């Protein structure tokens, strides 16, 4: 960077957003409190280096320290990332970067690579704001302009690949979104005052040894994180040929029939007897150009950027939720790898148990999913069919009703036509309105898709009878209006309240009730399929939906 910390820190700090109280930041960095990882960064003026609050290096004097709300803000002020604590491993600030705020949606689009080859004006237009306003909002909340955030994220991802993998520098440049090695080298040298190859020479740790074309990356999170609960949820819904779940991790196929790949997610092993707040991601056969997108999808699927303290601060104000938060403080929203896949599961799961939905979906996958052979993963032999396949394939004889088949076709065609989708730039209202307009899809299903396909923290299927019965906890039931009113105090984290209540209801149900089914409620005019879908989540066994 052309600016130095001394000359630019004051200018950036003047426009920076509010941080936690400086005394809180000071205590957090001195105690290396992992709950604050990613919520702020510590910049040391005497060295020109910025660190995570958990950095193991000796703590600098308070007089030499400045605090920044993001890595991009610290780099905009001229600081370089620490090679020891590695800021690229910090989770994002999940307390405000998710949901419907303009900056939250903009960051989600940047994560998906929107600014790679597109001007800032196009991002602003997608979000229906002016370019100047978007810059102002970013400086206010992130401490850096959108293009600066985009550039920092690319370089930090490149730094992670240089540190953790043996990928050639040319492939690292491609993975980070640079069109040429020369531009990558120039950007890296300007930002970090060293070329990429020198960074590798100065590393303190060697890449994890792997066989074949496997890459291993560390994905950080803020504790607590209930990884066993996440695996339990995914295990009950794992599709044979597509996914496997064991006691230690989750694996699945990704890619296309022409270029299949697979991944596995597990807990990062403890180091020197101390827990490492990260998941271990193994990538097999993923092309360099797809690495960044794959990592972002895994982070969303496993909800790694959530801020448990921020969520608990809001939800613990409700007497019904307080003991649930104490019992499962690290519960996250289990996402899905692909939006279409979640939509298909949700539609097929209407009016049947989770196990039956998995059986029916597995039949569809076996008939229409492309067969693949993946080295090292013999149990993973199918690619989930895409929208073009589902729009025209034969779905008769699978055990699906005519209404379910019609809805599946409508979903596939809507995705192909662009009438509905999983664009991160949508608000929750826009998303649910588009999906509810499809035949057989109503508010319940639309919110369920927002919860699991988008990972939207405020998605709330208020028509769910399990929730309506679970909130009173005395055998009574809230109607939909009363439940919505009660949940107003849970915003913007209603989705997490849903997961806690579903889990509590499932745990309170006798094991023998899992085989029972309830009767259907009356269908609403013009929305018969959605009423049947809601019925499947109003059954006596209180199962969490498919």
Protein backbone atom coordinates (compact mmCIF):
# COMPACT_ATOMS: atom_id res chain seq x y z
CA UNK A 1 0.00 0.00 0.00
CA UNK A 2 1.21 3.50 -0.72
CA UNK A 3 -0.04 4.93 2.59
CA UNK A 4 1.57 4.22 5.92
CA UNK A 5 -0.23 3.46 9.18
CA UNK A 6 0.85 6.78 10.68
CA UNK A 7 -0.52 8.90 7.82
CA UNK A 8 -3.80 7.09 7.17
CA UNK A 9 -4.99 5.70 10.50
CA UNK A 10 -6.50 8.99 11.63
CA UNK A 11 -8.47 9.49 8.42
CA UNK A 12 -9.89 5.98 8.45
CA UNK A 13 -10.65 6.04 12.17
CA UNK A 14 -12.67 9.21 11.72
CA UNK A 15 -15.07 7.42 9.42
CA UNK A 16 -14.98 4.07 11.20
CA UNK A 17 -18.12 2.53 12.72
CA UNK A 18 -18.67 2.15 16.42
CA UNK A 19 -16.65 -0.68 17.92
CA UNK A 20 -17.15 -2.46 21.22
CA UNK A 21 -16.18 -0.27 24.12
CA UNK A 22 -12.37 0.18 24.04
CA UNK A 23 -12.17 -1.28 27.54
CA UNK A 24 -13.98 -4.39 26.28
CA UNK A 25 -11.61 -4.65 23.32
CA UNK A 26 -8.66 -4.25 25.65
CA UNK A 27 -9.83 -7.00 28.00
CA UNK A 28 -10.68 -9.27 25.07
CA UNK A 29 -7.23 -8.99 23.44
CA UNK A 30 -5.35 -9.35 26.72
CA UNK A 31 -7.35 -12.47 27.63
CA UNK A 32 -7.37 -13.72 24.01
CA UNK A 33 -11.12 -14.23 24.26
CA UNK A 34 -12.20 -16.30 21.25
CA UNK A 35 -15.77 -15.01 21.49
CA UNK A 36 -14.50 -11.70 20.05
CA UNK A 37 -12.61 -13.27 17.14
CA UNK A 38 -13.58 -11.39 13.98
CA UNK A 39 -15.58 -8.75 15.86
CA UNK A 40 -12.59 -6.41 15.82
CA UNK A 41 -8.92 -6.41 14.86
CA UNK A 42 -5.97 -5.05 16.81
CA UNK A 43 -3.51 -2.89 14.88
CA UNK A 44 -0.09 -2.16 16.33
CA UNK A 45 1.28 1.19 15.20
CA UNK A 46 4.87 0.39 16.14
CA UNK A 47 5.02 -2.65 13.83
CA UNK A 48 2.43 -1.86 11.14
CA UNK A 49 0.82 -5.26 11.78
CA UNK A 50 -2.83 -6.06 12.57
CA UNK A 51 -3.94 -9.13 14.50
CA UNK A 52 -6.94 -11.06 15.71
CA UNK A 53 -7.91 -10.66 19.39
CA UNK A 54 -6.72 -14.25 19.92
CA UNK A 55 -3.20 -13.68 18.64
CA UNK A 56 -0.71 -15.74 20.68
CA UNK A 57 2.08 -13.16 20.30
CA UNK A 58 3.02 -11.10 23.37
CA UNK A 59 0.45 -8.37 23.86
CA UNK A 60 1.66 -4.92 22.76
CA UNK A 61 1.35 -1.84 24.96
CA UNK A 62 -2.10 -0.28 24.92
CA UNK A 63 -0.59 3.04 23.84
CA UNK A 64 0.54 1.44 20.56
CA UNK A 65 -2.80 -0.20 19.73
CA UNK A 66 -5.71 0.87 17.51
CA UNK A 67 -8.88 -1.15 16.96
CA UNK A 68 -10.61 -1.70 13.63
CA UNK A 69 -13.98 -3.29 12.83
CA UNK A 70 -12.70 -5.39 9.93
CA UNK A 71 -9.58 -6.64 8.24
CA UNK A 72 -10.40 -4.40 5.29
CA UNK A 73 -10.46 -1.34 7.56
CA UNK A 74 -7.09 -2.24 9.06
CA UNK A 75 -5.57 -2.77 5.62
CA UNK A 76 -7.10 0.46 4.34
CA UNK A 77 -5.23 2.16 7.17
CA UNK A 78 -1.96 0.65 5.91
CA UNK A 79 -1.53 -2.29 8.30
CA UNK A 80 -0.41 -5.75 7.18
CA UNK A 81 -1.86 -9.07 8.45
CA UNK A 82 -0.04 -10.95 11.16
CA UNK A 83 1.67 -14.14 9.97
CA UNK A 84 1.19 -15.78 13.35
CA UNK A 85 -2.51 -15.39 14.19
CA UNK A 86 -3.51 -15.18 10.50
CA UNK A 87 -6.52 -12.78 10.22
CA UNK A 88 -7.82 -14.76 7.24
CA UNK A 89 -8.97 -17.45 9.71
CA UNK A 90 -11.23 -15.11 11.68
CA UNK A 91 -14.99 -15.62 11.21
CA UNK A 92 -16.97 -12.72 9.84
CA UNK A 93 -18.85 -10.42 12.19
CA UNK A 94 -22.16 -12.27 12.16
CA UNK A 95 -23.96 -9.86 14.50
CA UNK A 96 -24.88 -7.43 11.73
CA UNK A 97 -23.51 -8.77 8.44
CA UNK A 98 -26.47 -11.07 7.92
CA UNK A 99 -30.10 -10.35 7.19
CA UNK A 100 -31.78 -7.65 5.16
CA UNK A 101 -29.56 -4.63 5.78
CA UNK A 102 -28.08 -3.18 2.60
CA UNK A 103 -24.50 -3.76 3.75
CA UNK A 104 -25.29 -7.34 4.81
CA UNK A 105 -26.72 -8.17 1.40
CA UNK A 106 -23.87 -6.38 -0.35
CA UNK A 107 -21.31 -8.38 1.62
CA UNK A 108 -23.10 -11.61 0.75
CA UNK A 109 -22.92 -10.72 -2.94
CA UNK A 110 -19.24 -9.77 -2.61
CA UNK A 111 -18.65 -13.17 -0.98
CA UNK A 112 -20.17 -14.74 -4.08
CA UNK A 113 -17.71 -12.84 -6.28
CA UNK A 114 -20.12 -10.20 -7.56
CA UNK A 115 -17.43 -7.51 -7.89
CA UNK A 116 -15.10 -9.79 -9.84
CA UNK A 117 -15.39 -8.20 -13.26
CA UNK A 118 -18.38 -5.98 -12.40
CA UNK A 119 -18.33 -2.26 -11.50
CA UNK A 120 -19.48 -0.98 -8.13
CA UNK A 121 -22.38 0.78 -9.84
CA UNK A 122 -23.85 -2.60 -10.78
CA UNK A 123 -23.71 -3.78 -7.18
CA UNK A 124 -25.42 -0.60 -6.04
CA UNK A 125 -28.12 -1.04 -8.69
CA UNK A 126 -28.73 -4.64 -7.59
CA UNK A 127 -29.36 -3.36 -4.08
CA UNK A 128 -31.48 -0.41 -5.27
CA UNK A 129 -29.24 2.23 -3.68
CA UNK A 130 -26.95 4.89 -5.08
CA UNK A 131 -23.25 4.20 -5.52
CA UNK A 132 -22.31 7.06 -3.21
CA UNK A 133 -24.73 5.85 -0.54
CA UNK A 134 -23.33 2.33 -0.75
CA UNK A 135 -19.79 3.63 -0.22
CA UNK A 136 -20.95 5.69 2.73
CA UNK A 137 -22.70 2.71 4.34
CA UNK A 138 -19.61 0.55 3.92
CA UNK A 139 -17.30 3.11 5.48
CA UNK A 140 -19.80 3.57 8.32
CA UNK A 141 -20.25 -0.14 9.10
CA UNK A 142 -17.16 -1.90 7.75
CA UNK A 143 -14.58 0.86 7.88
CA UNK A 144 -13.62 0.44 4.21
CA UNK A 145 -15.15 0.97 0.77
CA UNK A 146 -16.76 -1.98 -1.09
CA UNK A 147 -13.87 -2.38 -3.52
CA UNK A 148 -11.44 -2.34 -0.61
CA UNK A 149 -13.42 -5.10 1.12
CA UNK A 150 -13.44 -7.12 -2.10
CA UNK A 151 -9.69 -6.68 -2.56
CA UNK A 152 -8.87 -7.57 1.05
CA UNK A 153 -10.95 -10.72 0.92
CA UNK A 154 -9.27 -11.88 -2.26
CA UNK A 155 -5.80 -11.33 -0.86
CA UNK A 156 -6.57 -12.93 2.50
CA UNK A 157 -7.96 -16.00 0.75
CA UNK A 158 -4.80 -16.15 -1.35
CA UNK A 159 -2.77 -15.87 1.85
CA UNK A 160 -4.67 -18.82 3.33
CA UNK A 161 -4.03 -20.94 0.24
CA UNK A 162 -0.34 -20.02 0.26
CA UNK A 163 -0.14 -20.95 3.93
CA UNK A 164 -2.20 -24.13 4.07
CA UNK A 165 -1.88 -25.74 0.65
CA UNK A 166 0.89 -26.69 -1.79
CA UNK A 167 -0.96 -25.10 -4.71
CA UNK A 168 1.31 -23.42 -7.24
CA UNK A 169 1.24 -19.64 -7.05
CA UNK A 170 -0.40 -19.51 -10.48
CA UNK A 171 -3.32 -21.58 -9.19
CA UNK A 172 -3.52 -19.47 -6.03
CA UNK A 173 -3.86 -16.35 -8.18
CA UNK A 174 -6.65 -17.98 -10.16
CA UNK A 175 -8.43 -19.17 -7.01
CA UNK A 176 -8.30 -15.67 -5.54
CA UNK A 177 -9.94 -14.22 -8.64
CA UNK A 178 -6.96 -12.60 -10.37
CA UNK A 179 -6.90 -12.77 -14.12
CA UNK A 180 -3.14 -12.88 -14.36
CA UNK A 181 -0.18 -13.84 -12.20
CA UNK A 182 1.42 -10.43 -12.73
CA UNK A 183 -1.62 -8.57 -11.36
CA UNK A 184 -1.73 -10.95 -8.39
CA UNK A 185 1.96 -10.46 -7.61
CA UNK A 186 1.61 -6.68 -7.87
CA UNK A 187 -1.46 -6.55 -5.61
CA UNK A 188 0.10 -8.87 -3.03
CA UNK A 189 3.36 -6.93 -2.95
CA UNK A 190 1.55 -3.61 -2.62
CA UNK A 191 -0.68 -4.83 0.22
CA UNK A 192 1.74 -7.00 2.18
CA UNK A 193 5.15 -5.60 1.24
CA UNK A 194 6.37 -9.00 0.07
CA UNK A 195 5.79 -11.24 -2.97
CA UNK A 196 3.72 -14.42 -2.53
CA UNK A 197 6.69 -16.76 -2.76
CA UNK A 198 8.48 -14.93 0.04
CA UNK A 199 5.43 -15.37 2.26
CA UNK A 200 5.71 -19.12 1.85
CA UNK A 201 9.36 -19.04 2.79
CA UNK A 202 8.57 -17.19 6.01
CA UNK A 203 5.74 -19.50 7.11
CA UNK A 204 5.95 -21.07 10.54
CA UNK A 205 3.81 -24.08 9.60
CA UNK A 206 3.85 -26.51 6.71
CA UNK A 207 0.70 -27.41 4.74
CA UNK A 208 -1.22 -30.45 6.00
CA UNK A 209 0.12 -33.54 4.26
CA UNK A 210 -2.52 -35.11 1.99
CA UNK A 211 -2.72 -37.68 -0.74
CA UNK A 212 -3.63 -37.05 -4.35
CA UNK A 213 -5.38 -33.81 -5.26
CA UNK A 214 -6.80 -33.17 -1.78
CA UNK A 215 -6.55 -29.73 -0.23
CA UNK A 216 -7.14 -29.10 3.49
CA UNK A 217 -8.32 -25.72 4.75
CA UNK A 218 -9.09 -24.45 8.24
CA UNK A 219 -12.45 -22.72 8.66
CA UNK A 220 -12.68 -20.71 11.85
CA UNK A 221 -15.76 -20.00 13.97
CA UNK A 222 -16.62 -18.21 17.20
CA UNK A 223 -17.25 -20.58 20.11
CA UNK A 224 -19.35 -22.21 21.31
CA UNK A 225 -20.18 -24.40 18.31
CA UNK A 226 -22.30 -27.55 18.66
CA UNK A 227 -20.80 -29.59 15.83
CA UNK A 228 -22.34 -32.90 17.05
CA UNK A 229 -25.81 -31.32 16.87
CA UNK A 230 -25.08 -30.15 13.33
CA UNK A 231 -24.04 -33.68 12.33
CA UNK A 232 -27.14 -35.16 13.99
CA UNK A 233 -29.37 -32.90 11.93
CA UNK A 234 -27.58 -33.70 8.68
CA UNK A 235 -27.36 -37.43 9.45
CA UNK A 236 -31.12 -37.87 9.58
CA UNK A 237 -31.47 -36.29 6.13
CA UNK A 238 -28.37 -37.64 4.34
CA UNK A 239 -29.15 -38.87 0.82
CA UNK A 240 -27.41 -42.14 -0.14
CA UNK A 241 -24.96 -41.57 -2.97
CA UNK A 242 -24.93 -37.81 -2.34
CA UNK A 243 -23.97 -37.55 1.33
CA UNK A 244 -22.49 -39.58 4.16
CA UNK A 245 -22.39 -38.61 7.83
CA UNK A 246 -20.46 -40.45 10.52
CA UNK A 247 -19.51 -39.64 14.10
CA UNK A 248 -16.66 -37.44 12.95
CA UNK A 249 -17.85 -35.54 9.92
CA UNK A 250 -19.93 -34.91 6.83
CA UNK A 251 -19.03 -35.72 3.22
CA UNK A 252 -20.84 -35.08 -0.07
CA UNK A 253 -20.50 -34.85 -3.82
CA UNK A 254 -20.27 -31.45 -5.48
CA UNK A 255 -19.60 -30.20 -8.97
CA UNK A 256 -21.15 -31.53 -12.15
CA UNK A 257 -21.33 -34.87 -13.91
CA UNK A 258 -18.59 -33.64 -16.25
CA UNK A 259 -16.36 -32.39 -13.40
CA UNK A 260 -17.37 -34.16 -10.19
CA UNK A 261 -15.65 -33.48 -6.90
CA UNK A 262 -16.29 -34.12 -3.24
CA UNK A 263 -15.64 -32.62 0.15
CA UNK A 264 -15.53 -33.62 3.77
CA UNK A 265 -16.04 -31.45 6.84
CA UNK A 266 -14.88 -32.47 10.31
CA UNK A 267 -13.64 -30.93 13.53
CA UNK A 268 -10.11 -29.53 13.50
CA UNK A 269 -7.98 -31.63 15.86
CA UNK A 270 -6.83 -30.12 19.13
CA UNK A 271 -3.33 -28.62 19.19
CA UNK A 272 -1.12 -29.19 22.24
CA UNK A 273 -4.14 -30.29 24.23
CA UNK A 274 -6.11 -27.12 23.45
CA UNK A 275 -9.26 -26.95 21.34
CA UNK A 276 -8.98 -25.23 17.97
CA UNK A 277 -12.09 -23.24 17.12
CA UNK A 278 -12.24 -24.35 13.51
CA UNK A 279 -13.56 -27.04 11.18
CA UNK A 280 -11.35 -29.03 8.85
CA UNK A 281 -12.42 -28.87 5.21
CA UNK A 282 -11.06 -31.45 2.79
CA UNK A 283 -11.55 -30.67 -0.89
CA UNK A 284 -11.04 -33.41 -3.46
CA UNK A 285 -10.84 -32.51 -7.13
CA UNK A 286 -12.14 -28.95 -6.81
CA UNK A 287 -10.69 -26.74 -9.59
CA UNK A 288 -8.80 -23.63 -8.41
CA UNK A 289 -11.36 -21.24 -9.90
CA UNK A 290 -14.09 -22.83 -7.76
CA UNK A 291 -12.24 -22.89 -4.44
CA UNK A 292 -13.43 -19.53 -3.09
CA UNK A 293 -17.08 -20.21 -3.91
CA UNK A 294 -16.88 -23.68 -2.42
CA UNK A 295 -15.41 -22.39 0.84
CA UNK A 296 -18.11 -19.72 1.13
CA UNK A 297 -20.86 -22.30 0.59
CA UNK A 298 -19.41 -24.53 3.29
CA UNK A 299 -19.22 -21.60 5.70
CA UNK A 300 -22.88 -20.81 5.05
CA UNK A 301 -23.99 -24.45 5.24
CA UNK A 302 -22.33 -24.91 8.64
CA UNK A 303 -23.22 -21.40 9.84
CA UNK A 304 -19.64 -20.60 10.79
CA UNK A 305 -20.00 -16.82 10.96
CA UNK A 306 -22.73 -16.73 13.61
CA UNK A 307 -22.11 -14.69 16.73
CA UNK A 308 -23.53 -16.80 19.61
CA UNK A 309 -23.23 -14.01 22.16
CA UNK A 310 -25.16 -11.52 20.03
CA UNK A 311 -27.87 -14.10 19.38
CA UNK A 312 -28.14 -15.11 23.03
CA UNK A 313 -28.29 -11.50 24.19
CA UNK A 314 -31.54 -11.06 22.26
CA UNK A 315 -33.16 -14.48 22.68
CA UNK A 316 -32.35 -14.88 26.37
CA UNK A 317 -34.80 -12.08 27.10
CA UNK A 318 -37.60 -14.59 26.52
CA UNK A 319 -38.23 -16.88 29.50
CA UNK A 320 -39.11 -19.80 27.22
CA UNK A 321 -35.87 -19.57 25.25
CA UNK A 322 -33.45 -18.82 28.09
CA UNK A 323 -33.12 -22.44 29.36
CA UNK A 324 -32.80 -23.73 25.78
CA UNK A 325 -29.90 -21.39 25.11
CA UNK A 326 -28.23 -22.53 28.32
CA UNK A 327 -28.71 -26.17 27.32
CA UNK A 328 -27.42 -25.78 23.73
CA UNK A 329 -25.39 -22.56 23.55
CA UNK A 330 -23.64 -23.49 20.31
CA UNK A 331 -26.69 -24.47 18.24
CA UNK A 332 -26.51 -23.18 14.66
CA UNK A 333 -28.81 -23.13 11.63
CA UNK A 334 -28.01 -26.20 9.48
CA UNK A 335 -27.90 -25.03 5.90
CA UNK A 336 -27.95 -26.92 2.65
CA UNK A 337 -25.36 -27.17 -0.06
CA UNK A 338 -27.71 -26.23 -2.87
CA UNK A 339 -30.96 -24.27 -2.86
CA UNK A 340 -32.69 -26.52 -5.40
CA UNK A 341 -31.75 -29.58 -3.38
CA UNK A 342 -33.32 -28.07 -0.24
CA UNK A 343 -36.44 -27.07 -2.21
CA UNK A 344 -36.85 -30.58 -3.59
CA UNK A 345 -36.46 -32.09 -0.12
CA UNK A 346 -39.00 -29.64 1.32
CA UNK A 347 -41.61 -30.34 -1.36
CA UNK A 348 -41.18 -34.11 -1.21
CA UNK A 349 -41.30 -33.94 2.59
CA UNK A 350 -44.81 -32.50 2.58
CA UNK A 351 -47.13 -34.72 4.63
CA UNK A 352 -44.57 -37.49 5.24
CA UNK A 353 -41.94 -38.17 7.90
CA UNK A 354 -38.31 -37.14 7.57
CA UNK A 355 -37.33 -40.77 6.94
CA UNK A 356 -39.98 -41.19 4.25
CA UNK A 357 -38.92 -37.93 2.59
CA UNK A 358 -35.34 -39.13 2.48
CA UNK A 359 -36.43 -42.43 0.90
CA UNK A 360 -38.49 -40.70 -1.78
CA UNK A 361 -35.76 -38.17 -2.55
CA UNK A 362 -33.18 -40.96 -2.73
CA UNK A 363 -35.32 -42.69 -5.36
CA UNK A 364 -35.34 -39.50 -7.41
CA UNK A 365 -31.56 -39.19 -7.08
CA UNK A 366 -30.96 -42.80 -8.09
CA UNK A 367 -33.13 -42.43 -11.18
CA UNK A 368 -32.11 -38.97 -12.38
CA UNK A 369 -28.85 -38.09 -10.62
CA UNK A 370 -25.75 -38.49 -12.75
CA UNK A 371 -23.61 -41.49 -11.77
CA UNK A 372 -19.98 -40.65 -10.91
CA UNK A 373 -16.93 -42.50 -9.62
CA UNK A 374 -14.84 -40.58 -7.08
CA UNK A 375 -11.47 -41.78 -5.87
CA UNK A 376 -11.43 -42.18 -2.11
CA UNK A 377 -15.22 -41.94 -1.72
CA UNK A 378 -16.87 -45.11 -3.06
CA UNK A 379 -20.12 -44.37 -1.18
CA UNK A 380 -20.50 -41.06 -3.02
CA UNK A 381 -21.64 -41.96 -6.52
CA UNK A 382 -24.35 -39.48 -7.55
CA UNK A 383 -24.64 -35.80 -8.45
CA UNK A 384 -27.96 -34.21 -7.50
CA UNK A 385 -30.01 -33.45 -10.65
CA UNK A 386 -30.15 -29.80 -11.68
CA UNK A 387 -33.19 -27.71 -12.57
CA UNK A 388 -32.96 -28.49 -16.29
CA UNK A 389 -33.14 -32.22 -15.57
CA UNK A 390 -35.98 -31.90 -13.05
CA UNK A 391 -38.06 -29.71 -15.33
CA UNK A 392 -38.46 -32.46 -17.89
CA UNK A 393 -37.68 -35.81 -16.28
CA UNK A 394 -40.10 -38.65 -15.55
CA UNK A 395 -41.15 -38.51 -11.89
CA UNK A 396 -43.89 -41.13 -12.07
CA UNK A 397 -43.46 -44.33 -10.13
CA UNK A 398 -41.35 -42.80 -7.38
CA UNK A 399 -44.16 -42.73 -4.84
CA UNK A 400 -44.83 -39.02 -5.24
CA UNK A 401 -48.34 -37.61 -5.49
CA UNK A 402 -49.40 -35.71 -8.56
CA UNK A 403 -49.46 -32.48 -6.57
CA UNK A 404 -45.86 -32.97 -5.43
CA UNK A 405 -44.72 -33.73 -8.98
CA UNK A 406 -46.43 -30.57 -10.27
CA UNK A 407 -44.78 -28.48 -7.58
CA UNK A 408 -41.33 -29.92 -8.29
CA UNK A 409 -41.71 -29.08 -11.97
CA UNK A 410 -42.92 -25.57 -11.11
CA UNK A 411 -39.89 -25.04 -8.86
CA UNK A 412 -37.45 -26.21 -11.54
CA UNK A 413 -39.06 -24.05 -14.23
CA UNK A 414 -39.14 -21.00 -11.98
CA UNK A 415 -35.42 -21.35 -11.30
CA UNK A 416 -34.66 -21.71 -14.99
CA UNK A 417 -36.82 -18.69 -15.88
CA UNK A 418 -35.47 -16.55 -13.04
CA UNK A 419 -38.91 -16.16 -11.44
CA UNK A 420 -37.49 -17.42 -8.14
CA UNK A 421 -33.99 -18.09 -6.93
CA UNK A 422 -31.47 -18.01 -4.11
CA UNK A 423 -29.79 -14.69 -4.86
CA UNK A 424 -28.05 -13.36 -1.75
CA UNK A 425 -29.10 -9.82 -2.66
CA UNK A 426 -32.76 -10.44 -1.83
CA UNK A 427 -34.47 -9.35 1.33
CA UNK A 428 -36.43 -11.94 3.28
CA UNK A 429 -39.67 -10.34 2.11
CA UNK A 430 -38.62 -10.41 -1.52
CA UNK A 431 -37.50 -14.02 -1.27
CA UNK A 432 -40.65 -15.32 0.42
CA UNK A 433 -42.92 -13.35 -1.92
CA UNK A 434 -41.26 -14.82 -5.03
CA UNK A 435 -41.40 -18.39 -3.72
CA UNK A 436 -44.93 -18.10 -2.33
CA UNK A 437 -46.11 -17.12 -5.80
CA UNK A 438 -45.32 -20.63 -7.09
CA UNK A 439 -48.06 -23.28 -7.08
CA UNK A 440 -47.78 -25.53 -4.04
CA UNK A 441 -45.44 -23.18 -2.21
CA UNK A 442 -46.81 -21.03 0.60
CA UNK A 443 -45.40 -18.92 3.43
CA UNK A 444 -44.33 -21.89 5.56
CA UNK A 445 -42.25 -23.50 2.81
CA UNK A 446 -40.87 -20.14 1.66
CA UNK A 447 -39.60 -19.34 5.16
CA UNK A 448 -38.20 -22.85 5.56
CA UNK A 449 -36.26 -22.39 2.32
CA UNK A 450 -35.00 -19.01 3.54
CA UNK A 451 -33.85 -20.65 6.76
CA UNK A 452 -31.98 -23.59 5.26
CA UNK A 453 -31.07 -22.53 1.72
CA UNK A 454 -30.13 -18.92 2.50
CA UNK A 455 -29.26 -19.33 6.16
CA UNK A 456 -31.38 -16.24 6.82
CA UNK A 457 -31.19 -15.58 10.56
CA UNK A 458 -34.68 -14.07 10.79
CA UNK A 459 -36.67 -16.60 8.75
CA UNK A 460 -39.71 -17.65 10.72
CA UNK A 461 -42.38 -20.19 9.59
CA UNK A 462 -45.07 -18.90 11.94
CA UNK A 463 -47.65 -21.36 10.62
CA UNK A 464 -45.70 -24.30 12.04
CA UNK A 465 -47.76 -26.15 14.64
CA UNK A 466 -44.65 -27.48 16.37
CA UNK A 467 -43.61 -23.90 17.12
CA UNK A 468 -47.12 -22.89 18.07
CA UNK A 469 -47.24 -25.72 20.63
CA UNK A 470 -43.62 -25.46 21.76
CA UNK A 471 -43.62 -21.83 22.81
CA UNK A 472 -46.26 -22.03 25.59
CA UNK A 473 -44.62 -25.20 27.06
CA UNK A 474 -47.81 -25.91 29.02
CA UNK A 475 -49.76 -27.98 26.52
CA UNK A 476 -51.61 -25.00 25.05
CA UNK A 477 -51.09 -23.56 21.59
CA UNK A 478 -50.54 -20.07 20.21
CA UNK A 479 -52.26 -19.17 16.99
CA UNK A 480 -50.19 -17.78 14.14
CA UNK A 481 -50.88 -14.15 14.99
CA UNK A 482 -49.98 -14.61 18.64
CA UNK A 483 -46.80 -16.49 17.72
CA UNK A 484 -45.71 -13.71 15.37
CA UNK A 485 -46.32 -11.14 18.10
CA UNK A 486 -44.32 -13.18 20.62
CA UNK A 487 -41.46 -13.58 18.14
CA UNK A 488 -41.12 -9.83 17.48
CA UNK A 489 -38.83 -9.70 20.47
CA UNK A 490 -36.59 -12.35 18.89
CA UNK A 491 -35.67 -10.26 15.84
CA UNK A 492 -33.30 -10.37 14.02
CA UNK A 493 -32.54 -13.93 15.23
CA UNK A 494 -35.93 -15.64 14.92
CA UNK A 495 -34.36 -18.44 12.84
CA UNK A 496 -32.21 -19.48 15.79
CA UNK A 497 -35.24 -19.49 18.05
CA UNK A 498 -36.88 -21.85 15.54
CA UNK A 499 -33.96 -24.27 15.72
CA UNK A 500 -33.92 -24.25 19.53
CA UNK A 501 -37.68 -24.84 19.76
CA UNK A 502 -37.67 -27.58 17.13
CA UNK A 503 -34.80 -29.32 18.88
CA UNK A 504 -36.49 -29.06 22.26
CA UNK A 505 -39.75 -30.42 20.85
CA UNK A 506 -37.98 -33.35 19.18
CA UNK A 507 -36.08 -34.23 22.36
CA UNK A 508 -39.27 -34.10 24.42
CA UNK A 509 -41.07 -36.56 22.13
CA UNK A 510 -41.20 -40.27 23.08
CA UNK A 511 -39.21 -42.42 20.65
CA UNK A 512 -42.26 -44.43 19.73
CA UNK A 513 -44.06 -41.35 18.46
CA UNK A 514 -41.65 -41.11 15.53
CA UNK A 515 -43.73 -43.62 13.59
CA UNK A 516 -47.00 -41.78 14.09
CA UNK A 517 -48.61 -39.42 11.62
CA UNK A 518 -51.29 -36.85 12.30
CA UNK A 519 -54.34 -35.96 10.30
CA UNK A 520 -54.33 -33.13 7.84
CA UNK A 521 -55.87 -29.78 8.60
CA UNK A 522 -58.22 -28.01 6.21
CA UNK A 523 -56.65 -26.70 3.03
CA UNK A 524 -56.74 -22.98 2.39
CA UNK A 525 -58.42 -21.99 -0.88
CA UNK A 526 -55.89 -21.79 -3.67
CA UNK A 527 -53.09 -23.16 -1.51
CA UNK A 528 -53.96 -26.81 -0.98
CA UNK A 529 -50.46 -28.16 -1.42
CA UNK A 530 -48.98 -25.70 1.06
CA UNK A 531 -51.64 -26.68 3.58
CA UNK A 532 -50.62 -30.29 3.14
CA UNK A 533 -47.00 -29.25 3.57
CA UNK A 534 -47.82 -27.46 6.79
CA UNK A 535 -49.67 -30.57 7.97
CA UNK A 536 -46.48 -32.62 7.71
CA UNK A 537 -44.91 -30.23 10.20
CA UNK A 538 -47.96 -30.29 12.47
CA UNK A 539 -47.92 -33.99 13.14
CA UNK A 540 -47.93 -35.55 16.57
CA UNK A 541 -44.33 -36.76 16.39
CA UNK A 542 -43.08 -33.15 16.39
CA UNK A 543 -40.29 -33.95 13.94
CA UNK A 544 -38.09 -31.18 12.66
CA UNK A 545 -38.96 -30.77 8.95
CA UNK A 546 -37.15 -32.48 6.10
